[in-house]
Amino acid sequence: MKQFWNERYAEKEFAYGKEPNQFLKEYVHLLPLGKILFVAEGEGRNAVFVAQNGFEVVAFDYSESAKSKALTLAKEQNVQIDYVVSDVMDVSFEPESFDAIVFIFAHFPAVIRKQAHQKLVSFLKPGGKIIFEAFEKNQLQFTSGGPKELAMLFSEDEVKNEFSSINFNFFETVIITLEEGPFHQGKGAVIRFIGTKHEKNE
């Protein structure tokens, strides 16, 4: 799978475009100004956008060619991002060191997904924010991108179970129209939420 992503991101064209995800763009103002972690960030379009808005940005992905594209985009936009090449189960940050975490179409194998999500949430400060958008199980009816394996797509119950330490401020399952580079085009089924990590006394 790593080879697949390295080859996709090695292409000259940006697989999902250079513009930020629309859901993130619409709600970036809700993020606390501080240090933001971008999960499975790919070519950097979202991390660079948030860095342009004055945030300290850290991103990771397991594709070396994704990092190369992301750093090129950051240079084009005259911002700096800290980009780590790592598998989600190996990535390591200080506990409770981020003010927010952004998950945009971050799909992990079903066998590790809950563990991965709980690990990532451990890096978030109590009261910190999450912005999340990913493909819902009905995405298999559409051709706009995403995993072709049902288990890698989300149901509402799975999201709520895997993010059990989060208070959901906004949560919806919706059909949207994607216009994100060559690989996200057309109608798609997504789950998305904005959430706040429980305070320690909750």
C-alpha atoms as a PDB file:
ATOM      1  CA  MET A   1       0.000   0.000   0.000  1.00  0.00           C
ATOM      2  CA  LYS A   2       2.883   2.358   0.751  1.00  0.00           C
ATOM      3  CA  GLN A   3       4.190   1.818  -2.786  1.00  0.00           C
ATOM      4  CA  PHE A   4       0.738   2.676  -4.178  1.00  0.00           C
ATOM      5  CA  TRP A   5       0.718   6.036  -2.378  1.00  0.00           C
ATOM      6  CA  ASN A   6       4.338   6.812  -3.209  1.00  0.00           C
ATOM      7  CA  GLU A   7       3.570   6.248  -6.891  1.00  0.00           C
ATOM      8  CA  ARG A   8       0.365   8.311  -6.789  1.00  0.00           C
ATOM      9  CA  TYR A   9       2.088  11.222  -5.064  1.00  0.00           C
ATOM     10  CA  ALA A  10       5.156  10.996  -7.310  1.00  0.00           C
ATOM     11  CA  GLU A  11       3.081  12.295 -10.241  1.00  0.00           C
ATOM     12  CA  LYS A  12       3.663  15.936 -11.135  1.00  0.00           C
ATOM     13  CA  GLU A  13       0.000  16.832 -10.727  1.00  0.00           C
ATOM     14  CA  PHE A  14      -1.383  17.076  -7.189  1.00  0.00           C
ATOM     15  CA  ALA A  15      -3.660  14.055  -6.743  1.00  0.00           C
ATOM     16  CA  TYR A  16      -6.226  15.973  -4.665  1.00  0.00           C
ATOM     17  CA  GLY A  17      -5.382  19.462  -5.845  1.00  0.00           C
ATOM     18  CA  LYS A  18      -3.664  22.315  -4.051  1.00  0.00           C
ATOM     19  CA  GLU A  19      -6.797  23.873  -2.594  1.00  0.00           C
ATOM     20  CA  PRO A  20      -7.851  22.945   0.952  1.00  0.00           C
ATOM     21  CA  ASN A  21     -10.717  20.640   1.767  1.00  0.00           C
ATOM     22  CA  GLN A  22     -13.971  22.621   1.757  1.00  0.00           C
ATOM     23  CA  PHE A  23     -15.171  21.410   5.173  1.00  0.00           C
ATOM     24  CA  LEU A  24     -11.849  22.385   6.771  1.00  0.00           C
ATOM     25  CA  LYS A  25     -11.860  25.731   4.987  1.00  0.00           C
ATOM     26  CA  GLU A  26     -15.365  26.483   6.249  1.00  0.00           C
ATOM     27  CA  TYR A  27     -14.583  25.690   9.885  1.00  0.00           C
ATOM     28  CA  VAL A  28     -10.889  26.522  10.326  1.00  0.00           C
ATOM     29  CA  HIS A  29     -11.939  29.548  12.380  1.00  0.00           C
ATOM     30  CA  LEU A  30     -13.118  27.147  15.109  1.00  0.00           C
ATOM     31  CA  LEU A  31      -9.616  25.778  15.668  1.00  0.00           C
ATOM     32  CA  PRO A  32      -7.761  27.220  18.673  1.00  0.00           C
ATOM     33  CA  LEU A  33      -4.768  29.226  17.489  1.00  0.00           C
ATOM     34  CA  GLY A  34      -1.828  27.001  18.331  1.00  0.00           C
ATOM     35  CA  LYS A  35      -0.243  23.721  17.288  1.00  0.00           C
ATOM     36  CA  ILE A  36      -2.244  21.576  14.847  1.00  0.00           C
ATOM     37  CA  LEU A  37      -1.577  17.953  13.822  1.00  0.00           C
ATOM     38  CA  PHE A  38      -2.577  16.759  10.329  1.00  0.00           C
ATOM     39  CA  VAL A  39      -3.129  13.015  10.031  1.00  0.00           C
ATOM     40  CA  ALA A  40      -2.236  11.111   6.820  1.00  0.00           C
ATOM     41  CA  GLU A  41      -1.743  14.526   5.229  1.00  0.00           C
ATOM     42  CA  GLY A  42      -0.602  13.481   1.757  1.00  0.00           C
ATOM     43  CA  GLU A  43       0.553  16.345  -0.449  1.00  0.00           C
ATOM     44  CA  GLY A  44      -0.017  19.042   2.149  1.00  0.00           C
ATOM     45  CA  ARG A  45      -2.926  21.064   0.767  1.00  0.00           C
ATOM     46  CA  ASN A  46      -4.699  21.286   4.128  1.00  0.00           C
ATOM     47  CA  ALA A  47      -1.616  21.750   6.297  1.00  0.00           C
ATOM     48  CA  VAL A  48      -0.319  24.543   4.060  1.00  0.00           C
ATOM     49  CA  PHE A  49      -3.702  26.290   4.106  1.00  0.00           C
ATOM     50  CA  VAL A  50      -3.836  26.238   7.899  1.00  0.00           C
ATOM     51  CA  ALA A  51      -0.210  27.402   8.150  1.00  0.00           C
ATOM     52  CA  GLN A  52      -1.182  30.380   5.982  1.00  0.00           C
ATOM     53  CA  ASN A  53      -3.732  31.243   8.662  1.00  0.00           C
ATOM     54  CA  GLY A  54      -1.103  31.613  11.367  1.00  0.00           C
ATOM     55  CA  PHE A  55      -1.122  28.171  12.987  1.00  0.00           C
ATOM     56  CA  GLU A  56       1.905  26.039  13.892  1.00  0.00           C
ATOM     57  CA  VAL A  57       1.512  22.966  11.703  1.00  0.00           C
ATOM     58  CA  VAL A  58       2.788  19.411  12.112  1.00  0.00           C
ATOM     59  CA  ALA A  59       1.816  16.725   9.588  1.00  0.00           C
ATOM     60  CA  PHE A  60       2.598  13.084   8.982  1.00  0.00           C
ATOM     61  CA  ASP A  61       2.100  10.508   6.257  1.00  0.00           C
ATOM     62  CA  TYR A  62       3.938   7.305   5.407  1.00  0.00           C
ATOM     63  CA  SER A  63       4.698   8.377   1.842  1.00  0.00           C
ATOM     64  CA  GLU A  64       8.065  10.016   1.156  1.00  0.00           C
ATOM     65  CA  SER A  65       6.826  11.433  -2.147  1.00  0.00           C
ATOM     66  CA  ALA A  66       3.859  12.997  -0.310  1.00  0.00           C
ATOM     67  CA  LYS A  67       6.256  14.836   1.984  1.00  0.00           C
ATOM     68  CA  SER A  68       8.257  16.081  -0.985  1.00  0.00           C
ATOM     69  CA  LYS A  69       5.124  17.492  -2.652  1.00  0.00           C
ATOM     70  CA  ALA A  70       3.924  19.032   0.631  1.00  0.00           C
ATOM     71  CA  LEU A  71       7.203  20.827   1.249  1.00  0.00           C
ATOM     72  CA  THR A  72       7.204  22.099  -2.342  1.00  0.00           C
ATOM     73  CA  LEU A  73       3.685  23.484  -1.850  1.00  0.00           C
ATOM     74  CA  ALA A  74       4.660  25.066   1.475  1.00  0.00           C
ATOM     75  CA  LYS A  75       7.613  26.775  -0.213  1.00  0.00           C
ATOM     76  CA  GLU A  76       5.342  28.036  -3.017  1.00  0.00           C
ATOM     77  CA  GLN A  77       3.044  29.572  -0.407  1.00  0.00           C
ATOM     78  CA  ASN A  78       5.913  30.884   1.724  1.00  0.00           C
ATOM     79  CA  VAL A  79       4.972  28.986   4.880  1.00  0.00           C
ATOM     80  CA  GLN A  80       6.692  26.360   7.000  1.00  0.00           C
ATOM     81  CA  ILE A  81       5.284  23.015   8.033  1.00  0.00           C
ATOM     82  CA  ASP A  82       6.907  20.246  10.067  1.00  0.00           C
ATOM     83  CA  TYR A  83       6.330  17.031   8.116  1.00  0.00           C
ATOM     84  CA  VAL A  84       7.164  13.572   9.492  1.00  0.00           C
ATOM     85  CA  VAL A  85       7.278  10.410   7.369  1.00  0.00           C
ATOM     86  CA  SER A  86       5.848   7.635   9.531  1.00  0.00           C
ATOM     87  CA  ASP A  87       3.262   4.896   9.725  1.00  0.00           C
ATOM     88  CA  VAL A  88       0.398   5.813  12.066  1.00  0.00           C
ATOM     89  CA  MET A  89       1.295   3.044  14.517  1.00  0.00           C
ATOM     90  CA  ASP A  90       4.909   4.237  14.742  1.00  0.00           C
ATOM     91  CA  VAL A  91       4.379   7.996  14.827  1.00  0.00           C
ATOM     92  CA  SER A  92       5.246   9.542  18.178  1.00  0.00           C
ATOM     93  CA  PHE A  93       4.513  12.925  19.737  1.00  0.00           C
ATOM     94  CA  GLU A  94       4.304  14.186  23.291  1.00  0.00           C
ATOM     95  CA  PRO A  95       0.990  13.341  25.006  1.00  0.00           C
ATOM     96  CA  GLU A  96      -1.486  16.221  25.093  1.00  0.00           C
ATOM     97  CA  SER A  97       0.805  18.459  23.013  1.00  0.00           C
ATOM     98  CA  PHE A  98      -1.574  19.573  20.238  1.00  0.00           C
ATOM     99  CA  ASP A  99      -4.356  22.140  20.352  1.00  0.00           C
ATOM    100  CA  ALA A 100      -6.204  20.472  17.478  1.00  0.00           C
ATOM    101  CA  ILE A 101      -6.036  17.459  15.167  1.00  0.00           C
ATOM    102  CA  VAL A 102      -7.312  17.384  11.585  1.00  0.00           C
ATOM    103  CA  PHE A 103      -8.437  14.135   9.936  1.00  0.00           C
ATOM    104  CA  ILE A 104      -9.322  14.700   6.268  1.00  0.00           C
ATOM    105  CA  PHE A 105      -9.948  11.419   4.410  1.00  0.00           C
ATOM    106  CA  ALA A 106      -7.559   9.550   6.710  1.00  0.00           C
ATOM    107  CA  HIS A 107      -8.548   5.909   6.204  1.00  0.00           C
ATOM    108  CA  PHE A 108      -6.583   3.232   8.053  1.00  0.00           C
ATOM    109  CA  PRO A 109      -6.928  -0.572   7.838  1.00  0.00           C
ATOM    110  CA  ALA A 110      -9.824  -1.808   9.966  1.00  0.00           C
ATOM    111  CA  VAL A 111      -7.614  -4.029  12.139  1.00  0.00           C
ATOM    112  CA  ILE A 112      -5.654  -1.051  13.504  1.00  0.00           C
ATOM    113  CA  ARG A 113      -8.089   1.815  13.058  1.00  0.00           C
ATOM    114  CA  LYS A 114      -9.594   2.111  16.533  1.00  0.00           C
ATOM    115  CA  GLN A 115      -6.181   1.747  18.163  1.00  0.00           C
ATOM    116  CA  ALA A 116      -4.725   4.318  15.770  1.00  0.00           C
ATOM    117  CA  HIS A 117      -7.476   6.835  16.464  1.00  0.00           C
ATOM    118  CA  GLN A 118      -7.180   6.456  20.219  1.00  0.00           C
ATOM    119  CA  LYS A 119      -3.408   6.841  20.001  1.00  0.00           C
ATOM    120  CA  LEU A 120      -3.754  10.017  17.950  1.00  0.00           C
ATOM    121  CA  VAL A 121      -6.342  11.488  20.316  1.00  0.00           C
ATOM    122  CA  SER A 122      -3.850  10.954  23.174  1.00  0.00           C
ATOM    123  CA  PHE A 123      -1.695  13.646  21.535  1.00  0.00           C
ATOM    124  CA  LEU A 124      -4.561  16.157  21.879  1.00  0.00           C
ATOM    125  CA  LYS A 125      -4.866  18.469  24.882  1.00  0.00           C
ATOM    126  CA  PRO A 126      -8.041  18.212  26.981  1.00  0.00           C
ATOM    127  CA  GLY A 127     -10.411  20.772  25.494  1.00  0.00           C
ATOM    128  CA  GLY A 128      -8.601  20.502  22.153  1.00  0.00           C
ATOM    129  CA  LYS A 129     -10.520  20.327  18.876  1.00  0.00           C
ATOM    130  CA  ILE A 130     -10.867  17.738  16.111  1.00  0.00           C
ATOM    131  CA  ILE A 131     -12.040  18.389  12.566  1.00  0.00           C
ATOM    132  CA  PHE A 132     -12.867  15.119  10.812  1.00  0.00           C
ATOM    133  CA  GLU A 133     -14.164  14.218   7.359  1.00  0.00           C
ATOM    134  CA  ALA A 134     -14.004  10.751   5.807  1.00  0.00           C
ATOM    135  CA  PHE A 135     -15.933   8.502   3.470  1.00  0.00           C
ATOM    136  CA  GLU A 136     -19.035   6.760   4.819  1.00  0.00           C
ATOM    137  CA  LYS A 137     -19.859   3.158   3.915  1.00  0.00           C
ATOM    138  CA  ASN A 138     -22.279   4.214   1.156  1.00  0.00           C
ATOM    139  CA  GLN A 139     -19.296   5.666  -0.706  1.00  0.00           C
ATOM    140  CA  LEU A 140     -19.012   2.304  -2.482  1.00  0.00           C
ATOM    141  CA  GLN A 141     -22.007   3.437  -4.569  1.00  0.00           C
ATOM    142  CA  PHE A 142     -20.001   6.378  -5.909  1.00  0.00           C
ATOM    143  CA  THR A 143     -16.912   6.779  -8.082  1.00  0.00           C
ATOM    144  CA  SER A 144     -15.438   9.916  -6.492  1.00  0.00           C
ATOM    145  CA  GLY A 145     -12.607   8.173  -4.648  1.00  0.00           C
ATOM    146  CA  GLY A 146     -11.864   6.514  -1.340  1.00  0.00           C
ATOM    147  CA  PRO A 147     -11.102   2.945  -0.263  1.00  0.00           C
ATOM    148  CA  LYS A 148     -12.813   0.128  -2.134  1.00  0.00           C
ATOM    149  CA  GLU A 149     -12.924  -2.032   1.010  1.00  0.00           C
ATOM    150  CA  LEU A 150     -16.104  -1.631   3.069  1.00  0.00           C
ATOM    151  CA  ALA A 151     -14.286  -2.130   6.379  1.00  0.00           C
ATOM    152  CA  MET A 152     -12.091   0.931   5.724  1.00  0.00           C
ATOM    153  CA  LEU A 153     -15.157   3.143   5.310  1.00  0.00           C
ATOM    154  CA  PHE A 154     -17.045   4.530   8.311  1.00  0.00           C
ATOM    155  CA  SER A 155     -20.452   4.187   9.914  1.00  0.00           C
ATOM    156  CA  GLU A 156     -21.700   6.712  12.459  1.00  0.00           C
ATOM    157  CA  ASP A 157     -21.508   4.109  15.227  1.00  0.00           C
ATOM    158  CA  GLU A 158     -17.899   3.287  14.363  1.00  0.00           C
ATOM    159  CA  VAL A 159     -16.873   6.926  14.475  1.00  0.00           C
ATOM    160  CA  LYS A 160     -18.570   7.473  17.839  1.00  0.00           C
ATOM    161  CA  ASN A 161     -16.984   4.308  19.240  1.00  0.00           C
ATOM    162  CA  GLU A 162     -13.483   5.089  18.000  1.00  0.00           C
ATOM    163  CA  PHE A 163     -13.622   8.696  19.231  1.00  0.00           C
ATOM    164  CA  SER A 164     -15.261   7.928  22.581  1.00  0.00           C
ATOM    165  CA  SER A 165     -13.281  10.642  24.424  1.00  0.00           C
ATOM    166  CA  ILE A 166     -14.714  13.357  22.167  1.00  0.00           C
ATOM    167  CA  ASN A 167     -17.767  15.536  22.686  1.00  0.00           C
ATOM    168  CA  PHE A 168     -19.345  16.040  19.255  1.00  0.00           C
ATOM    169  CA  ASN A 169     -20.205  19.702  18.692  1.00  0.00           C
ATOM    170  CA  PHE A 170     -21.312  18.989  15.103  1.00  0.00           C
ATOM    171  CA  PHE A 171     -21.851  15.589  13.458  1.00  0.00           C
ATOM    172  CA  GLU A 172     -23.434  14.669  10.130  1.00  0.00           C
ATOM    173  CA  THR A 173     -23.577  12.073   7.383  1.00  0.00           C
ATOM    174  CA  VAL A 174     -24.181  13.741   4.045  1.00  0.00           C
ATOM    175  CA  ILE A 175     -23.828  13.427   0.278  1.00  0.00           C
ATOM    176  CA  ILE A 176     -21.513  16.122  -1.082  1.00  0.00           C
ATOM    177  CA  THR A 177     -19.961  17.008  -4.429  1.00  0.00           C
ATOM    178  CA  LEU A 178     -16.190  16.697  -4.398  1.00  0.00           C
ATOM    179  CA  GLU A 179     -13.910  18.833  -6.566  1.00  0.00           C
ATOM    180  CA  GLU A 180     -10.479  17.982  -5.205  1.00  0.00           C
ATOM    181  CA  GLY A 181      -7.929  17.266  -7.911  1.00  0.00           C
ATOM    182  CA  PRO A 182      -8.235  14.337 -10.330  1.00  0.00           C
ATOM    183  CA  PHE A 183      -8.937  11.657  -7.701  1.00  0.00           C
ATOM    184  CA  HIS A 184     -11.812  13.268  -5.753  1.00  0.00           C
ATOM    185  CA  GLN A 185     -14.418  14.264  -8.316  1.00  0.00           C
ATOM    186  CA  GLY A 186     -18.190  13.887  -8.147  1.00  0.00           C
ATOM    187  CA  LYS A 187     -20.778  12.941  -5.564  1.00  0.00           C
ATOM    188  CA  GLY A 188     -19.559  11.268  -2.390  1.00  0.00           C
ATOM    189  CA  ALA A 189     -20.922   9.975   0.923  1.00  0.00           C
ATOM    190  CA  VAL A 190     -19.075  11.411   3.926  1.00  0.00           C
ATOM    191  CA  ILE A 191     -19.213  11.485   7.701  1.00  0.00           C
ATOM    192  CA  ARG A 192     -17.842  14.610   9.313  1.00  0.00           C
ATOM    193  CA  PHE A 193     -17.667  16.107  12.726  1.00  0.00           C
ATOM    194  CA  ILE A 194     -16.210  18.860  14.833  1.00  0.00           C
ATOM    195  CA  GLY A 195     -15.436  17.715  18.354  1.00  0.00           C
ATOM    196  CA  THR A 196     -13.830  18.682  21.628  1.00  0.00           C
ATOM    197  CA  LYS A 197     -11.759  16.339  23.782  1.00  0.00           C
ATOM    198  CA  HIS A 198     -13.205  15.715  27.213  1.00  0.00           C
ATOM    199  CA  GLU A 199     -11.659  17.676  30.043  1.00  0.00           C
ATOM    200  CA  LYS A 200      -9.934  15.442  32.594  1.00  0.00           C
ATOM    201  CA  ASN A 201     -12.691  15.807  35.171  1.00  0.00           C
ATOM    202  CA  GLU A 202     -15.437  14.737  32.778  1.00  0.00           C
END
